[in-house]
Amino acid sequence: MALKIENVEYFESVKAWAKANRCAAELQATLDYLGGYGNRDSREKGEPDAVVCHLHKDFAPQSFAFVWMKNGKFWMNGGAIFYGASDPRWGVHT
């Protein structure tokens, strides 16, 4: 998984919160998606991941902002937004 955590303290707090609120699997699925996006071809060729997801703290609670870098250059950005207790999952928006 090609994730670069830019704010480890915040990242760990969201993981702990997700575990305590029984939605850690949903968070992990979102992290797996973000870390793997755009890298299938590289992995099939046995090359290093071309796309790295830089994960940042977002202003929305339990959410992340992200920047995808492809071969070291800005590619795309967005957010992994937590929808809330009534719908405990993260949606990826670019």
PDB file of N, CA and C in Angstrom:
ATOM      1  N   MET A   1       0.857  -1.175   0.000  1.00  0.00           N
ATOM      2  CA  MET A   1       0.000   0.000   0.000  1.00  0.00           C
ATOM      3  C   MET A   1       0.897   1.230   0.000  1.00  0.00           C
ATOM      4  N   ALA A   2       0.630   2.159  -0.874  1.00  0.00           N
ATOM      5  CA  ALA A   2       1.454   3.352  -1.022  1.00  0.00           C
ATOM      6  C   ALA A   2       0.780   4.544  -0.345  1.00  0.00           C
ATOM      7  N   LEU A   3       0.828   4.540   0.989  1.00  0.00           N
ATOM      8  CA  LEU A   3       0.290   5.663   1.769  1.00  0.00           C
ATOM      9  C   LEU A   3       1.433   6.348   2.499  1.00  0.00           C
ATOM     10  N   LYS A   4       1.422   7.663   2.480  1.00  0.00           N
ATOM     11  CA  LYS A   4       2.364   8.437   3.279  1.00  0.00           C
ATOM     12  C   LYS A   4       1.517   9.249   4.254  1.00  0.00           C
ATOM     13  N   ILE A   5       1.647   8.931   5.518  1.00  0.00           N
ATOM     14  CA  ILE A   5       0.852   9.589   6.550  1.00  0.00           C
ATOM     15  C   ILE A   5       1.553  10.881   6.938  1.00  0.00           C
ATOM     16  N   GLU A   6       0.912  12.004   6.707  1.00  0.00           N
ATOM     17  CA  GLU A   6       1.522  13.305   6.967  1.00  0.00           C
ATOM     18  C   GLU A   6       1.293  13.790   8.402  1.00  0.00           C
ATOM     19  N   ASN A   7       0.263  13.264   9.072  1.00  0.00           N
ATOM     20  CA  ASN A   7      -0.022  13.642  10.454  1.00  0.00           C
ATOM     21  C   ASN A   7      -0.315  12.349  11.220  1.00  0.00           C
ATOM     22  N   VAL A   8       0.740  11.732  11.735  1.00  0.00           N
ATOM     23  CA  VAL A   8       0.628  10.416  12.366  1.00  0.00           C
ATOM     24  C   VAL A   8      -0.288  10.465  13.586  1.00  0.00           C
ATOM     25  N   GLU A   9      -0.187  11.498  14.380  1.00  0.00           N
ATOM     26  CA  GLU A   9      -1.012  11.607  15.593  1.00  0.00           C
ATOM     27  C   GLU A   9      -2.503  11.606  15.227  1.00  0.00           C
ATOM     28  N   TYR A  10      -2.886  12.399  14.237  1.00  0.00           N
ATOM     29  CA  TYR A  10      -4.283  12.440  13.806  1.00  0.00           C
ATOM     30  C   TYR A  10      -4.705  11.095  13.213  1.00  0.00           C
ATOM     31  N   PHE A  11      -3.852  10.519  12.378  1.00  0.00           N
ATOM     32  CA  PHE A  11      -4.138   9.233  11.752  1.00  0.00           C
ATOM     33  C   PHE A  11      -4.422   8.168  12.815  1.00  0.00           C
ATOM     34  N   GLU A  12      -3.567   8.093  13.818  1.00  0.00           N
ATOM     35  CA  GLU A  12      -3.738   7.110  14.890  1.00  0.00           C
ATOM     36  C   GLU A  12      -5.011   7.384  15.690  1.00  0.00           C
ATOM     37  N   SER A  13      -5.350   8.646  15.881  1.00  0.00           N
ATOM     38  CA  SER A  13      -6.572   8.963  16.626  1.00  0.00           C
ATOM     39  C   SER A  13      -7.819   8.538  15.851  1.00  0.00           C
ATOM     40  N   VAL A  14      -7.807   8.705  14.542  1.00  0.00           N
ATOM     41  CA  VAL A  14      -8.955   8.270  13.723  1.00  0.00           C
ATOM     42  C   VAL A  14      -9.053   6.743  13.737  1.00  0.00           C
ATOM     43  N   LYS A  15      -7.912   6.049  13.627  1.00  0.00           N
ATOM     44  CA  LYS A  15      -7.932   4.581  13.692  1.00  0.00           C
ATOM     45  C   LYS A  15      -8.497   4.105  15.034  1.00  0.00           C
ATOM     46  N   ALA A  16      -8.071   4.729  16.125  1.00  0.00           N
ATOM     47  CA  ALA A  16      -8.569   4.350  17.453  1.00  0.00           C
ATOM     48  C   ALA A  16     -10.063   4.637  17.567  1.00  0.00           C
ATOM     49  N   TRP A  17     -10.492   5.770  17.041  1.00  0.00           N
ATOM     50  CA  TRP A  17     -11.903   6.124  17.077  1.00  0.00           C
ATOM     51  C   TRP A  17     -12.719   5.105  16.272  1.00  0.00           C
ATOM     52  N   ALA A  18     -12.230   4.745  15.084  1.00  0.00           N
ATOM     53  CA  ALA A  18     -12.942   3.780  14.239  1.00  0.00           C
ATOM     54  C   ALA A  18     -13.049   2.427  14.933  1.00  0.00           C
ATOM     55  N   LYS A  19     -11.985   2.016  15.602  1.00  0.00           N
ATOM     56  CA  LYS A  19     -12.020   0.745  16.324  1.00  0.00           C
ATOM     57  C   LYS A  19     -13.042   0.802  17.457  1.00  0.00           C
ATOM     58  N   ALA A  20     -13.028   1.878  18.216  1.00  0.00           N
ATOM     59  CA  ALA A  20     -13.960   2.028  19.342  1.00  0.00           C
ATOM     60  C   ALA A  20     -15.411   2.098  18.882  1.00  0.00           C
ATOM     61  N   ASN A  21     -15.624   2.571  17.664  1.00  0.00           N
ATOM     62  CA  ASN A  21     -16.985   2.727  17.139  1.00  0.00           C
ATOM     63  C   ASN A  21     -17.357   1.655  16.128  1.00  0.00           C
ATOM     64  N   ARG A  22     -16.590   0.583  16.115  1.00  0.00           N
ATOM     65  CA  ARG A  22     -16.871  -0.613  15.313  1.00  0.00           C
ATOM     66  C   ARG A  22     -16.991  -0.344  13.810  1.00  0.00           C
ATOM     67  N   CYS A  23     -16.151   0.558  13.328  1.00  0.00           N
ATOM     68  CA  CYS A  23     -16.126   0.782  11.878  1.00  0.00           C
ATOM     69  C   CYS A  23     -14.685   0.780  11.347  1.00  0.00           C
ATOM     70  N   ALA A  24     -13.808   0.051  12.043  1.00  0.00           N
ATOM     71  CA  ALA A  24     -12.409  -0.046  11.625  1.00  0.00           C
ATOM     72  C   ALA A  24     -12.268  -0.736  10.272  1.00  0.00           C
ATOM     73  N   ALA A  25     -13.111  -1.711   9.987  1.00  0.00           N
ATOM     74  CA  ALA A  25     -13.030  -2.416   8.700  1.00  0.00           C
ATOM     75  C   ALA A  25     -13.357  -1.468   7.548  1.00  0.00           C
ATOM     76  N   GLU A  26     -14.326  -0.601   7.752  1.00  0.00           N
ATOM     77  CA  GLU A  26     -14.689   0.372   6.725  1.00  0.00           C
ATOM     78  C   GLU A  26     -13.554   1.365   6.494  1.00  0.00           C
ATOM     79  N   LEU A  27     -12.918   1.810   7.584  1.00  0.00           N
ATOM     80  CA  LEU A  27     -11.771   2.707   7.453  1.00  0.00           C
ATOM     81  C   LEU A  27     -10.644   2.008   6.701  1.00  0.00           C
ATOM     82  N   GLN A  28     -10.343   0.767   7.063  1.00  0.00           N
ATOM     83  CA  GLN A  28      -9.252   0.045   6.409  1.00  0.00           C
ATOM     84  C   GLN A  28      -9.533  -0.145   4.927  1.00  0.00           C
ATOM     85  N   ALA A  29     -10.766  -0.421   4.568  1.00  0.00           N
ATOM     86  CA  ALA A  29     -11.118  -0.571   3.151  1.00  0.00           C
ATOM     87  C   ALA A  29     -10.851   0.725   2.387  1.00  0.00           C
ATOM     88  N   THR A  30     -11.157   1.853   3.000  1.00  0.00           N
ATOM     89  CA  THR A  30     -10.909   3.148   2.370  1.00  0.00           C
ATOM     90  C   THR A  30      -9.411   3.398   2.229  1.00  0.00           C
ATOM     91  N   LEU A  31      -8.644   3.091   3.274  1.00  0.00           N
ATOM     92  CA  LEU A  31      -7.195   3.268   3.222  1.00  0.00           C
ATOM     93  C   LEU A  31      -6.565   2.364   2.157  1.00  0.00           C
ATOM     94  N   ASP A  32      -7.052   1.134   2.057  1.00  0.00           N
ATOM     95  CA  ASP A  32      -6.556   0.209   1.041  1.00  0.00           C
ATOM     96  C   ASP A  32      -6.823   0.751  -0.364  1.00  0.00           C
ATOM     97  N   TYR A  33      -8.015   1.298  -0.555  1.00  0.00           N
ATOM     98  CA  TYR A  33      -8.370   1.875  -1.850  1.00  0.00           C
ATOM     99  C   TYR A  33      -7.444   3.046  -2.191  1.00  0.00           C
ATOM    100  N   LEU A  34      -7.277   3.960  -1.223  1.00  0.00           N
ATOM    101  CA  LEU A  34      -6.428   5.135  -1.464  1.00  0.00           C
ATOM    102  C   LEU A  34      -4.982   4.742  -1.745  1.00  0.00           C
ATOM    103  N   GLY A  35      -4.471   3.777  -0.988  1.00  0.00           N
ATOM    104  CA  GLY A  35      -3.087   3.364  -1.148  1.00  0.00           C
ATOM    105  C   GLY A  35      -2.819   2.545  -2.390  1.00  0.00           C
ATOM    106  N   GLY A  36      -3.841   1.919  -2.919  1.00  0.00           N
ATOM    107  CA  GLY A  36      -3.654   1.071  -4.091  1.00  0.00           C
ATOM    108  C   GLY A  36      -4.071   1.702  -5.405  1.00  0.00           C
ATOM    109  N   TYR A  37      -4.758   2.832  -5.325  1.00  0.00           N
ATOM    110  CA  TYR A  37      -5.318   3.439  -6.527  1.00  0.00           C
ATOM    111  C   TYR A  37      -4.224   3.780  -7.544  1.00  0.00           C
ATOM    112  N   GLY A  38      -4.427   3.351  -8.754  1.00  0.00           N
ATOM    113  CA  GLY A  38      -3.521   3.686  -9.840  1.00  0.00           C
ATOM    114  C   GLY A  38      -2.253   2.859  -9.913  1.00  0.00           C
ATOM    115  N   ASN A  39      -2.117   1.843  -9.083  1.00  0.00           N
ATOM    116  CA  ASN A  39      -0.859   1.100  -9.027  1.00  0.00           C
ATOM    117  C   ASN A  39      -0.940  -0.321  -9.576  1.00  0.00           C
ATOM    118  N   ARG A  40      -2.066  -0.723 -10.106  1.00  0.00           N
ATOM    119  CA  ARG A  40      -2.189  -2.097 -10.586  1.00  0.00           C
ATOM    120  C   ARG A  40      -1.144  -2.432 -11.649  1.00  0.00           C
ATOM    121  N   ASP A  41      -0.985  -1.556 -12.634  1.00  0.00           N
ATOM    122  CA  ASP A  41      -0.021  -1.824 -13.707  1.00  0.00           C
ATOM    123  C   ASP A  41       1.399  -1.934 -13.166  1.00  0.00           C
ATOM    124  N   SER A  42       1.769  -1.039 -12.255  1.00  0.00           N
ATOM    125  CA  SER A  42       3.121  -1.077 -11.667  1.00  0.00           C
ATOM    126  C   SER A  42       3.346  -2.392 -10.943  1.00  0.00           C
ATOM    127  N   ARG A  43       2.369  -2.803 -10.163  1.00  0.00           N
ATOM    128  CA  ARG A  43       2.512  -4.026  -9.375  1.00  0.00           C
ATOM    129  C   ARG A  43       2.572  -5.257 -10.269  1.00  0.00           C
ATOM    130  N   GLU A  44       1.779  -5.264 -11.335  1.00  0.00           N
ATOM    131  CA  GLU A  44       1.818  -6.401 -12.260  1.00  0.00           C
ATOM    132  C   GLU A  44       3.180  -6.532 -12.930  1.00  0.00           C
ATOM    133  N   LYS A  45       3.868  -5.416 -13.124  1.00  0.00           N
ATOM    134  CA  LYS A  45       5.193  -5.415 -13.746  1.00  0.00           C
ATOM    135  C   LYS A  45       6.303  -5.608 -12.720  1.00  0.00           C
ATOM    136  N   GLY A  46       5.950  -5.682 -11.429  1.00  0.00           N
ATOM    137  CA  GLY A  46       6.947  -5.836 -10.387  1.00  0.00           C
ATOM    138  C   GLY A  46       7.726  -4.563 -10.110  1.00  0.00           C
ATOM    139  N   GLU A  47       7.167  -3.428 -10.489  1.00  0.00           N
ATOM    140  CA  GLU A  47       7.815  -2.131 -10.301  1.00  0.00           C
ATOM    141  C   GLU A  47       7.312  -1.482  -9.008  1.00  0.00           C
ATOM    142  N   PRO A  48       8.050  -0.496  -8.517  1.00  0.00           N
ATOM    143  CA  PRO A  48       7.553   0.241  -7.338  1.00  0.00           C
ATOM    144  C   PRO A  48       6.255   0.965  -7.679  1.00  0.00           C
ATOM    145  N   ASP A  49       5.462   1.233  -6.653  1.00  0.00           N
ATOM    146  CA  ASP A  49       4.207   1.950  -6.872  1.00  0.00           C
ATOM    147  C   ASP A  49       4.467   3.293  -7.543  1.00  0.00           C
ATOM    148  N   ALA A  50       3.739   3.571  -8.607  1.00  0.00           N
ATOM    149  CA  ALA A  50       3.865   4.847  -9.311  1.00  0.00           C
ATOM    150  C   ALA A  50       3.088   5.945  -8.587  1.00  0.00           C
ATOM    151  N   VAL A  51       2.004   5.556  -7.902  1.00  0.00           N
ATOM    152  CA  VAL A  51       1.141   6.524  -7.235  1.00  0.00           C
ATOM    153  C   VAL A  51       1.284   6.375  -5.729  1.00  0.00           C
ATOM    154  N   VAL A  52       1.552   7.496  -5.059  1.00  0.00           N
ATOM    155  CA  VAL A  52       1.641   7.532  -3.603  1.00  0.00           C
ATOM    156  C   VAL A  52       0.569   8.492  -3.102  1.00  0.00           C
ATOM    157  N   CYS A  53      -0.202   8.043  -2.127  1.00  0.00           N
ATOM    158  CA  CYS A  53      -1.259   8.854  -1.536  1.00  0.00           C
ATOM    159  C   CYS A  53      -0.730   9.502  -0.260  1.00  0.00           C
ATOM    160  N   HIS A  54      -0.677  10.826  -0.248  1.00  0.00           N
ATOM    161  CA  HIS A  54      -0.269  11.590   0.932  1.00  0.00           C
ATOM    162  C   HIS A  54      -1.538  11.944   1.702  1.00  0.00           C
ATOM    163  N   LEU A  55      -1.648  11.407   2.910  1.00  0.00           N
ATOM    164  CA  LEU A  55      -2.848  11.554   3.726  1.00  0.00           C
ATOM    165  C   LEU A  55      -2.649  12.659   4.754  1.00  0.00           C
ATOM    166  N   HIS A  56      -3.576  13.607   4.792  1.00  0.00           N
ATOM    167  CA  HIS A  56      -3.527  14.767   5.685  1.00  0.00           C
ATOM    168  C   HIS A  56      -4.788  14.829   6.541  1.00  0.00           C
ATOM    169  N   LYS A  57      -4.728  15.583   7.607  1.00  0.00           N
ATOM    170  CA  LYS A  57      -5.906  15.854   8.429  1.00  0.00           C
ATOM    171  C   LYS A  57      -6.853  16.753   7.633  1.00  0.00           C
ATOM    172  N   ASP A  58      -8.135  16.444   7.708  1.00  0.00           N
ATOM    173  CA  ASP A  58      -9.168  17.268   7.083  1.00  0.00           C
ATOM    174  C   ASP A  58      -9.901  18.034   8.171  1.00  0.00           C
ATOM    175  N   PHE A  59     -10.600  19.087   7.806  1.00  0.00           N
ATOM    176  CA  PHE A  59     -11.358  19.853   8.794  1.00  0.00           C
ATOM    177  C   PHE A  59     -12.594  19.118   9.277  1.00  0.00           C
ATOM    178  N   ALA A  60     -13.114  18.181   8.489  1.00  0.00           N
ATOM    179  CA  ALA A  60     -14.294  17.410   8.893  1.00  0.00           C
ATOM    180  C   ALA A  60     -13.867  16.318   9.881  1.00  0.00           C
ATOM    181  N   PRO A  61     -14.649  16.094  10.927  1.00  0.00           N
ATOM    182  CA  PRO A  61     -14.279  15.082  11.933  1.00  0.00           C
ATOM    183  C   PRO A  61     -14.086  13.690  11.330  1.00  0.00           C
ATOM    184  N   GLN A  62     -13.034  13.007  11.783  1.00  0.00           N
ATOM    185  CA  GLN A  62     -12.692  11.633  11.378  1.00  0.00           C
ATOM    186  C   GLN A  62     -12.420  11.504   9.881  1.00  0.00           C
ATOM    187  N   SER A  63     -12.098  12.605   9.214  1.00  0.00           N
ATOM    188  CA  SER A  63     -11.913  12.617   7.762  1.00  0.00           C
ATOM    189  C   SER A  63     -10.477  12.975   7.396  1.00  0.00           C
ATOM    190  N   PHE A  64     -10.140  12.697   6.136  1.00  0.00           N
ATOM    191  CA  PHE A  64      -8.801  12.965   5.626  1.00  0.00           C
ATOM    192  C   PHE A  64      -8.865  13.740   4.315  1.00  0.00           C
ATOM    193  N   ALA A  65      -7.904  14.611   4.133  1.00  0.00           N
ATOM    194  CA  ALA A  65      -7.628  15.187   2.821  1.00  0.00           C
ATOM    195  C   ALA A  65      -6.478  14.356   2.252  1.00  0.00           C
ATOM    196  N   PHE A  66      -6.421  14.237   0.944  1.00  0.00           N
ATOM    197  CA  PHE A  66      -5.321  13.481   0.356  1.00  0.00           C
ATOM    198  C   PHE A  66      -4.850  14.111  -0.942  1.00  0.00           C
ATOM    199  N   VAL A  67      -3.598  13.818  -1.267  1.00  0.00           N
ATOM    200  CA  VAL A  67      -3.007  14.210  -2.546  1.00  0.00           C
ATOM    201  C   VAL A  67      -2.375  12.958  -3.131  1.00  0.00           C
ATOM    202  N   TRP A  68      -2.763  12.621  -4.340  1.00  0.00           N
ATOM    203  CA  TRP A  68      -2.119  11.528  -5.047  1.00  0.00           C
ATOM    204  C   TRP A  68      -0.986  12.108  -5.881  1.00  0.00           C
ATOM    205  N   MET A  69       0.203  11.549  -5.701  1.00  0.00           N
ATOM    206  CA  MET A  69       1.376  11.927  -6.481  1.00  0.00           C
ATOM    207  C   MET A  69       1.709  10.748  -7.397  1.00  0.00           C
ATOM    208  N   LYS A  70       1.872  11.029  -8.675  1.00  0.00           N
ATOM    209  CA  LYS A  70       2.191   9.975  -9.645  1.00  0.00           C
ATOM    210  C   LYS A  70       3.592  10.228 -10.177  1.00  0.00           C
ATOM    211  N   ASN A  71       4.478   9.263  -9.938  1.00  0.00           N
ATOM    212  CA  ASN A  71       5.884   9.396 -10.325  1.00  0.00           C
ATOM    213  C   ASN A  71       6.477  10.695  -9.791  1.00  0.00           C
ATOM    214  N   GLY A  72       6.098  11.037  -8.553  1.00  0.00           N
ATOM    215  CA  GLY A  72       6.657  12.202  -7.874  1.00  0.00           C
ATOM    216  C   GLY A  72       6.038  13.537  -8.223  1.00  0.00           C
ATOM    217  N   LYS A  73       5.006  13.545  -9.065  1.00  0.00           N
ATOM    218  CA  LYS A  73       4.359  14.798  -9.473  1.00  0.00           C
ATOM    219  C   LYS A  73       2.890  14.778  -9.078  1.00  0.00           C
ATOM    220  N   PHE A  74       2.362  15.965  -8.753  1.00  0.00           N
ATOM    221  CA  PHE A  74       0.942  16.074  -8.405  1.00  0.00           C
ATOM    222  C   PHE A  74       0.097  15.445  -9.501  1.00  0.00           C
ATOM    223  N   TRP A  75      -0.871  14.622  -9.056  1.00  0.00           N
ATOM    224  CA  TRP A  75      -1.752  13.970 -10.013  1.00  0.00           C
ATOM    225  C   TRP A  75      -3.201  14.388  -9.761  1.00  0.00           C
ATOM    226  N   MET A  76      -3.629  14.273  -8.478  1.00  0.00           N
ATOM    227  CA  MET A  76      -5.022  14.529  -8.166  1.00  0.00           C
ATOM    228  C   MET A  76      -5.143  14.660  -6.647  1.00  0.00           C
ATOM    229  N   ASN A  77      -6.186  15.340  -6.184  1.00  0.00           N
ATOM    230  CA  ASN A  77      -6.399  15.430  -4.741  1.00  0.00           C
ATOM    231  C   ASN A  77      -7.881  15.298  -4.424  1.00  0.00           C
ATOM    232  N   GLY A  78      -8.171  15.156  -3.136  1.00  0.00           N
ATOM    233  CA  GLY A  78      -9.555  15.020  -2.712  1.00  0.00           C
ATOM    234  C   GLY A  78      -9.650  14.773  -1.223  1.00  0.00           C
ATOM    235  N   GLY A  79     -10.733  14.133  -0.834  1.00  0.00           N
ATOM    236  CA  GLY A  79     -10.952  13.851   0.573  1.00  0.00           C
ATOM    237  C   GLY A  79     -11.573  12.484   0.784  1.00  0.00           C
ATOM    238  N   ALA A  80     -11.255  11.889   1.918  1.00  0.00           N
ATOM    239  CA  ALA A  80     -11.909  10.662   2.389  1.00  0.00           C
ATOM    240  C   ALA A  80     -12.762  11.126   3.567  1.00  0.00           C
ATOM    241  N   ILE A  81     -14.024  11.343   3.305  1.00  0.00           N
ATOM    242  CA  ILE A  81     -14.915  12.021   4.240  1.00  0.00           C
ATOM    243  C   ILE A  81     -15.773  11.000   4.988  1.00  0.00           C
ATOM    244  N   PHE A  82     -15.749  11.115   6.319  1.00  0.00           N
ATOM    245  CA  PHE A  82     -16.577  10.245   7.149  1.00  0.00           C
ATOM    246  C   PHE A  82     -18.003  10.771   7.101  1.00  0.00           C
ATOM    247  N   TYR A  83     -18.938   9.889   6.779  1.00  0.00           N
ATOM    248  CA  TYR A  83     -20.322  10.314   6.587  1.00  0.00           C
ATOM    249  C   TYR A  83     -21.074  10.544   7.887  1.00  0.00           C
ATOM    250  N   GLY A  84     -20.677   9.898   8.951  1.00  0.00           N
ATOM    251  CA  GLY A  84     -21.342  10.115  10.236  1.00  0.00           C
ATOM    252  C   GLY A  84     -21.815   8.818  10.859  1.00  0.00           C
ATOM    253  N   ALA A  85     -22.242   8.934  12.120  1.00  0.00           N
ATOM    254  CA  ALA A  85     -22.629   7.753  12.900  1.00  0.00           C
ATOM    255  C   ALA A  85     -23.794   6.992  12.284  1.00  0.00           C
ATOM    256  N   SER A  86     -24.706   7.680  11.599  1.00  0.00           N
ATOM    257  CA  SER A  86     -25.853   7.000  11.007  1.00  0.00           C
ATOM    258  C   SER A  86     -25.463   6.219   9.754  1.00  0.00           C
ATOM    259  N   ASP A  87     -24.305   6.538   9.160  1.00  0.00           N
ATOM    260  CA  ASP A  87     -23.794   5.859   7.970  1.00  0.00           C
ATOM    261  C   ASP A  87     -22.283   5.755   8.128  1.00  0.00           C
ATOM    262  N   PRO A  88     -21.814   4.832   9.010  1.00  0.00           N
ATOM    263  CA  PRO A  88     -20.405   4.811   9.394  1.00  0.00           C
ATOM    264  C   PRO A  88     -19.460   4.271   8.325  1.00  0.00           C
ATOM    265  N   ARG A  89     -19.155   5.122   7.364  1.00  0.00           N
ATOM    266  CA  ARG A  89     -18.217   4.778   6.305  1.00  0.00           C
ATOM    267  C   ARG A  89     -17.583   6.056   5.775  1.00  0.00           C
ATOM    268  N   TRP A  90     -16.538   5.871   4.983  1.00  0.00           N
ATOM    269  CA  TRP A  90     -15.825   6.992   4.393  1.00  0.00           C
ATOM    270  C   TRP A  90     -16.060   6.996   2.907  1.00  0.00           C
ATOM    271  N   GLY A  91     -16.389   8.141   2.361  1.00  0.00           N
ATOM    272  CA  GLY A  91     -16.549   8.279   0.915  1.00  0.00           C
ATOM    273  C   GLY A  91     -15.357   9.029   0.351  1.00  0.00           C
ATOM    274  N   VAL A  92     -14.856   8.565  -0.786  1.00  0.00           N
ATOM    275  CA  VAL A  92     -13.721   9.216  -1.430  1.00  0.00           C
ATOM    276  C   VAL A  92     -14.255  10.168  -2.481  1.00  0.00           C
ATOM    277  N   HIS A  93     -13.843  11.427  -2.366  1.00  0.00           N
ATOM    278  CA  HIS A  93     -14.298  12.490  -3.279  1.00  0.00           C
ATOM    279  C   HIS A  93     -13.084  13.189  -3.857  1.00  0.00           C
ATOM    280  N   THR A  94     -13.069  13.397  -5.165  1.00  0.00           N
ATOM    281  CA  THR A  94     -11.971  14.128  -5.803  1.00  0.00           C
ATOM    282  C   THR A  94     -12.518  15.384  -6.450  1.00  0.00           C
TER     283      THR A  94
END
